[in-house]
Protein backbone atom coordinates (compact mmCIF):
# COMPACT_ATOMS: atom_id res chain seq x y z
CA MET A 1 77.42 -13.76 -33.23
CA CYS A 2 79.48 -13.94 -30.02
CA SER A 3 82.95 -14.97 -28.87
CA SER A 4 84.12 -17.26 -26.09
CA GLN A 5 85.18 -14.11 -24.20
CA ASP A 6 81.59 -12.80 -23.99
CA THR A 7 79.78 -13.08 -20.68
CA ILE A 8 76.50 -14.95 -20.31
CA ARG A 9 74.77 -11.61 -19.79
CA GLU A 10 76.20 -10.32 -23.09
CA VAL A 11 75.08 -13.47 -24.90
CA MET A 12 71.62 -13.20 -23.34
CA ALA A 13 71.37 -9.56 -24.46
CA GLU A 14 72.43 -10.47 -28.01
CA MET A 15 69.93 -13.35 -28.19
CA THR A 16 67.15 -11.12 -26.88
CA GLY A 17 68.00 -8.19 -29.14
CA SER A 18 68.35 -10.28 -32.27
CA ARG A 19 65.54 -12.68 -31.30
CA ASN A 20 67.77 -15.67 -32.03
CA ARG A 21 67.74 -18.91 -30.06
CA HIS A 22 71.21 -19.90 -31.31
CA LEU A 23 74.39 -17.91 -31.87
CA PRO A 24 77.61 -18.89 -33.59
CA VAL A 25 80.69 -18.58 -31.38
CA VAL A 26 83.52 -17.07 -33.42
CA ASP A 27 87.12 -16.75 -32.24
CA GLY A 28 89.93 -15.42 -34.39
CA GLY A 29 87.58 -15.24 -37.36
CA ALA A 30 86.85 -18.98 -37.23
CA LEU A 31 83.71 -20.75 -36.08
CA ALA A 32 84.43 -22.23 -32.65
CA GLY A 33 80.95 -23.54 -31.87
CA LEU A 34 77.30 -22.79 -31.40
CA ILE A 35 75.51 -21.69 -28.22
CA SER A 36 71.79 -22.19 -27.68
CA ILE A 37 69.27 -20.57 -25.39
CA GLY A 38 69.19 -23.89 -23.50
CA ASP A 39 72.92 -23.58 -22.80
CA VAL A 40 72.42 -20.04 -21.50
CA VAL A 41 69.45 -20.96 -19.31
CA LYS A 42 71.30 -23.96 -17.84
CA HIS A 43 74.29 -21.79 -16.96
CA ARG A 44 72.12 -19.09 -15.38
CA LEU A 45 70.24 -21.66 -13.29
CA GLU A 46 73.55 -23.03 -12.02
CA GLU A 47 74.65 -19.49 -11.11
CA LEU A 48 71.39 -18.80 -9.28
CA GLU A 49 71.57 -22.10 -7.37
CA LEU A 50 75.12 -21.27 -6.26
CA GLU A 51 74.03 -17.78 -5.18
CA ALA A 52 71.17 -19.25 -3.17
CA LEU A 53 73.54 -21.70 -1.42
CA VAL A 54 75.98 -18.92 -0.53
CA LEU A 55 73.19 -16.73 0.84
CA ARG A 56 71.70 -19.64 2.80
CA ASP A 57 75.10 -20.45 4.33
CA ALA A 58 75.67 -16.80 5.25
CA ALA A 59 72.23 -16.57 6.86
CA LEU A 60 72.77 -19.76 8.87
CA ARG A 61 76.10 -18.47 10.19
CA HIS A 62 74.29 -15.43 11.64
CA LEU A 63 71.73 -17.46 13.61
């Protein structure tokens, strides 16, 4: 189980530790949704792509 306040890293750790591919998202004691490993992977890929763009831009500015 996770909440909407949990970070992606926390959700990844919970999924890995519990060996679950889906987790309920609970806020205020009520079910708010469901997050899947696909959702987590998609978000992480977007983060990594953004990081790569920032690093590429920084490197090009130093040439």
